[in-house]
């Protein structure tokens, strides 16, 4: 539970830092879009790919737990559901932490979720998921 609280505090900090650095027009658009309620991701599954061609499927479980399947081209798909795999949501903004190794930060727009990721080795990539 403590890990989820720290994760949520990190998400809030990231959101506040991002908004402070956003140009005025983008900030206004962000505030306007926050007025449209976004349903919780809990119980939903989203699938797609990243800029490296890897395939993903994320299932957002109760209590901030996440189950995900990843498949690198030419390799078998692997499914994970570890205690360190967490998600948090603030409106349209979603953050996924995969075992303290990689972070996914994205934005929901209807049935589409897009974002950027990075890991502890400083690798960066983009991704896009669609609701199943």
C-alpha atoms as a PDB file:
ATOM      1  CA  UNK A   1       0.000   0.000   0.000  1.00  0.00           C
ATOM      2  CA  UNK A   2       2.859   2.390   0.823  1.00  0.00           C
ATOM      3  CA  UNK A   3       4.279   1.791  -2.657  1.00  0.00           C
ATOM      4  CA  UNK A   4       0.962   2.851  -4.231  1.00  0.00           C
ATOM      5  CA  UNK A   5       0.870   6.024  -2.094  1.00  0.00           C
ATOM      6  CA  UNK A   6       4.408   6.970  -3.160  1.00  0.00           C
ATOM      7  CA  UNK A   7       3.497   6.221  -6.758  1.00  0.00           C
ATOM      8  CA  UNK A   8       0.398   8.458  -6.591  1.00  0.00           C
ATOM      9  CA  UNK A   9       2.403  11.277  -4.992  1.00  0.00           C
ATOM     10  CA  UNK A  10       4.942  10.973  -7.824  1.00  0.00           C
ATOM     11  CA  UNK A  11       2.122  11.166 -10.367  1.00  0.00           C
ATOM     12  CA  UNK A  12       0.749  14.321  -8.723  1.00  0.00           C
ATOM     13  CA  UNK A  13       4.213  15.888  -8.727  1.00  0.00           C
ATOM     14  CA  UNK A  14       4.771  15.034 -12.387  1.00  0.00           C
ATOM     15  CA  UNK A  15       1.406  16.513 -13.295  1.00  0.00           C
ATOM     16  CA  UNK A  16       2.073  19.741 -11.409  1.00  0.00           C
ATOM     17  CA  UNK A  17       5.530  20.115 -12.957  1.00  0.00           C
ATOM     18  CA  UNK A  18       4.176  19.428 -16.430  1.00  0.00           C
ATOM     19  CA  UNK A  19       1.446  22.027 -16.094  1.00  0.00           C
ATOM     20  CA  UNK A  20       3.894  24.669 -14.819  1.00  0.00           C
ATOM     21  CA  UNK A  21       6.040  24.293 -17.943  1.00  0.00           C
ATOM     22  CA  UNK A  22       3.155  24.161 -20.426  1.00  0.00           C
ATOM     23  CA  UNK A  23       2.589  27.167 -22.724  1.00  0.00           C
ATOM     24  CA  UNK A  24      -0.512  29.213 -21.883  1.00  0.00           C
ATOM     25  CA  UNK A  25      -2.661  27.970 -24.799  1.00  0.00           C
ATOM     26  CA  UNK A  26      -1.875  24.327 -24.014  1.00  0.00           C
ATOM     27  CA  UNK A  27      -2.574  24.909 -20.325  1.00  0.00           C
ATOM     28  CA  UNK A  28      -5.979  26.394 -21.139  1.00  0.00           C
ATOM     29  CA  UNK A  29      -6.780  23.439 -23.378  1.00  0.00           C
ATOM     30  CA  UNK A  30      -5.689  21.056 -20.601  1.00  0.00           C
ATOM     31  CA  UNK A  31      -7.974  22.767 -18.070  1.00  0.00           C
ATOM     32  CA  UNK A  32     -10.891  22.671 -20.496  1.00  0.00           C
ATOM     33  CA  UNK A  33     -10.360  18.985 -21.211  1.00  0.00           C
ATOM     34  CA  UNK A  34     -10.304  18.265 -17.452  1.00  0.00           C
ATOM     35  CA  UNK A  35     -13.930  19.437 -17.326  1.00  0.00           C
ATOM     36  CA  UNK A  36     -14.928  16.355 -19.341  1.00  0.00           C
ATOM     37  CA  UNK A  37     -15.030  13.378 -16.961  1.00  0.00           C
ATOM     38  CA  UNK A  38     -12.848  10.424 -17.878  1.00  0.00           C
ATOM     39  CA  UNK A  39     -13.954   7.013 -16.638  1.00  0.00           C
ATOM     40  CA  UNK A  40     -11.671   5.006 -14.413  1.00  0.00           C
ATOM     41  CA  UNK A  41      -9.415   2.536 -16.179  1.00  0.00           C
ATOM     42  CA  UNK A  42     -10.076  -0.059 -13.495  1.00  0.00           C
ATOM     43  CA  UNK A  43     -11.295  -3.288 -15.065  1.00  0.00           C
ATOM     44  CA  UNK A  44     -10.394  -2.291 -18.630  1.00  0.00           C
ATOM     45  CA  UNK A  45      -7.829  -3.715 -21.050  1.00  0.00           C
ATOM     46  CA  UNK A  46      -5.858  -1.708 -23.612  1.00  0.00           C
ATOM     47  CA  UNK A  47      -3.570  -3.051 -26.356  1.00  0.00           C
ATOM     48  CA  UNK A  48      -1.169  -1.577 -28.888  1.00  0.00           C
ATOM     49  CA  UNK A  49       2.458  -1.088 -29.783  1.00  0.00           C
ATOM     50  CA  UNK A  50       5.436   1.144 -29.140  1.00  0.00           C
ATOM     51  CA  UNK A  51       7.917   2.992 -31.323  1.00  0.00           C
ATOM     52  CA  UNK A  52      10.242  -0.054 -31.239  1.00  0.00           C
ATOM     53  CA  UNK A  53       7.532  -2.331 -32.673  1.00  0.00           C
ATOM     54  CA  UNK A  54       6.935  -4.159 -29.377  1.00  0.00           C
ATOM     55  CA  UNK A  55       3.345  -5.210 -28.662  1.00  0.00           C
ATOM     56  CA  UNK A  56       1.631  -4.563 -25.324  1.00  0.00           C
ATOM     57  CA  UNK A  57      -1.588  -5.348 -23.536  1.00  0.00           C
ATOM     58  CA  UNK A  58      -2.335  -3.685 -20.182  1.00  0.00           C
ATOM     59  CA  UNK A  59      -5.186  -4.725 -17.884  1.00  0.00           C
ATOM     60  CA  UNK A  60      -5.871  -2.162 -15.164  1.00  0.00           C
ATOM     61  CA  UNK A  61      -6.754  -4.131 -12.044  1.00  0.00           C
ATOM     62  CA  UNK A  62      -8.348  -3.075  -8.765  1.00  0.00           C
ATOM     63  CA  UNK A  63      -6.185  -1.277  -6.217  1.00  0.00           C
ATOM     64  CA  UNK A  64      -3.672   0.103  -8.702  1.00  0.00           C
ATOM     65  CA  UNK A  65      -2.310  -3.309  -9.711  1.00  0.00           C
ATOM     66  CA  UNK A  66      -1.616  -3.924 -13.390  1.00  0.00           C
ATOM     67  CA  UNK A  67      -1.272  -7.050 -15.506  1.00  0.00           C
ATOM     68  CA  UNK A  68       0.590  -6.649 -18.754  1.00  0.00           C
ATOM     69  CA  UNK A  69       1.724  -8.737 -21.672  1.00  0.00           C
ATOM     70  CA  UNK A  70       4.729  -7.675 -23.732  1.00  0.00           C
ATOM     71  CA  UNK A  71       6.008  -9.167 -26.961  1.00  0.00           C
ATOM     72  CA  UNK A  72       9.172  -8.171 -28.769  1.00  0.00           C
ATOM     73  CA  UNK A  73       9.183  -9.085 -32.499  1.00  0.00           C
ATOM     74  CA  UNK A  74      10.435 -12.636 -32.964  1.00  0.00           C
ATOM     75  CA  UNK A  75      10.004 -13.524 -29.273  1.00  0.00           C
ATOM     76  CA  UNK A  76       7.135 -15.202 -27.397  1.00  0.00           C
ATOM     77  CA  UNK A  77       4.683 -13.014 -25.476  1.00  0.00           C
ATOM     78  CA  UNK A  78       5.322 -12.802 -21.725  1.00  0.00           C
ATOM     79  CA  UNK A  79       2.637 -11.868 -19.160  1.00  0.00           C
ATOM     80  CA  UNK A  80       3.455 -10.235 -15.811  1.00  0.00           C
ATOM     81  CA  UNK A  81       1.484  -9.296 -12.712  1.00  0.00           C
ATOM     82  CA  UNK A  82       4.014  -8.427 -10.037  1.00  0.00           C
ATOM     83  CA  UNK A  83       3.533  -6.447  -6.818  1.00  0.00           C
ATOM     84  CA  UNK A  84       5.795  -3.703  -8.239  1.00  0.00           C
ATOM     85  CA  UNK A  85       3.636  -3.248 -11.343  1.00  0.00           C
ATOM     86  CA  UNK A  86       1.298  -0.334 -10.562  1.00  0.00           C
ATOM     87  CA  UNK A  87      -0.935   2.218 -12.251  1.00  0.00           C
ATOM     88  CA  UNK A  88      -2.518   5.501 -11.234  1.00  0.00           C
ATOM     89  CA  UNK A  89      -4.913   7.836 -12.994  1.00  0.00           C
ATOM     90  CA  UNK A  90      -5.740  11.516 -12.630  1.00  0.00           C
ATOM     91  CA  UNK A  91      -8.514  12.307 -15.103  1.00  0.00           C
ATOM     92  CA  UNK A  92      -7.112  11.763 -18.577  1.00  0.00           C
ATOM     93  CA  UNK A  93      -3.517  11.317 -17.348  1.00  0.00           C
ATOM     94  CA  UNK A  94      -2.255   7.789 -16.654  1.00  0.00           C
ATOM     95  CA  UNK A  95       1.011   6.620 -15.146  1.00  0.00           C
ATOM     96  CA  UNK A  96       2.182   3.007 -15.156  1.00  0.00           C
ATOM     97  CA  UNK A  97       5.185   1.829 -13.172  1.00  0.00           C
ATOM     98  CA  UNK A  98       6.630  -1.523 -14.181  1.00  0.00           C
ATOM     99  CA  UNK A  99       8.558  -3.012 -11.268  1.00  0.00           C
ATOM    100  CA  UNK A 100      10.483   0.220 -10.612  1.00  0.00           C
ATOM    101  CA  UNK A 101      12.246  -0.362 -13.966  1.00  0.00           C
ATOM    102  CA  UNK A 102      10.191   1.524 -16.539  1.00  0.00           C
ATOM    103  CA  UNK A 103       7.603   4.300 -16.412  1.00  0.00           C
ATOM    104  CA  UNK A 104       4.757   4.944 -18.844  1.00  0.00           C
ATOM    105  CA  UNK A 105       3.100   8.372 -18.803  1.00  0.00           C
ATOM    106  CA  UNK A 106       0.137   8.803 -21.113  1.00  0.00           C
ATOM    107  CA  UNK A 107      -3.058  10.622 -21.929  1.00  0.00           C
ATOM    108  CA  UNK A 108      -6.475   9.115 -22.624  1.00  0.00           C
ATOM    109  CA  UNK A 109      -8.518  10.499 -25.508  1.00  0.00           C
ATOM    110  CA  UNK A 110     -11.698   8.439 -25.845  1.00  0.00           C
ATOM    111  CA  UNK A 111     -10.691   4.868 -26.689  1.00  0.00           C
ATOM    112  CA  UNK A 112      -7.093   5.864 -27.449  1.00  0.00           C
ATOM    113  CA  UNK A 113      -4.216   6.234 -25.002  1.00  0.00           C
ATOM    114  CA  UNK A 114      -0.865   7.642 -26.116  1.00  0.00           C
ATOM    115  CA  UNK A 115       2.270   8.445 -24.232  1.00  0.00           C
ATOM    116  CA  UNK A 116       5.987   8.408 -23.606  1.00  0.00           C
ATOM    117  CA  UNK A 117       8.096   5.996 -21.604  1.00  0.00           C
ATOM    118  CA  UNK A 118      11.537   5.712 -20.115  1.00  0.00           C
ATOM    119  CA  UNK A 119      13.457   3.196 -18.054  1.00  0.00           C
ATOM    120  CA  UNK A 120      16.319   3.119 -15.571  1.00  0.00           C
ATOM    121  CA  UNK A 121      18.860   2.696 -18.398  1.00  0.00           C
ATOM    122  CA  UNK A 122      17.617   6.057 -19.793  1.00  0.00           C
ATOM    123  CA  UNK A 123      16.032   4.459 -22.861  1.00  0.00           C
ATOM    124  CA  UNK A 124      13.007   6.426 -24.143  1.00  0.00           C
ATOM    125  CA  UNK A 125      10.148   5.445 -26.455  1.00  0.00           C
ATOM    126  CA  UNK A 126       6.568   6.306 -27.368  1.00  0.00           C
ATOM    127  CA  UNK A 127       3.475   4.103 -27.391  1.00  0.00           C
ATOM    128  CA  UNK A 128      -0.169   3.965 -28.405  1.00  0.00           C
ATOM    129  CA  UNK A 129      -2.908   1.740 -26.994  1.00  0.00           C
ATOM    130  CA  UNK A 130      -6.559   1.197 -27.925  1.00  0.00           C
ATOM    131  CA  UNK A 131      -9.275   0.088 -25.551  1.00  0.00           C
ATOM    132  CA  UNK A 132     -10.380  -3.513 -26.178  1.00  0.00           C
END
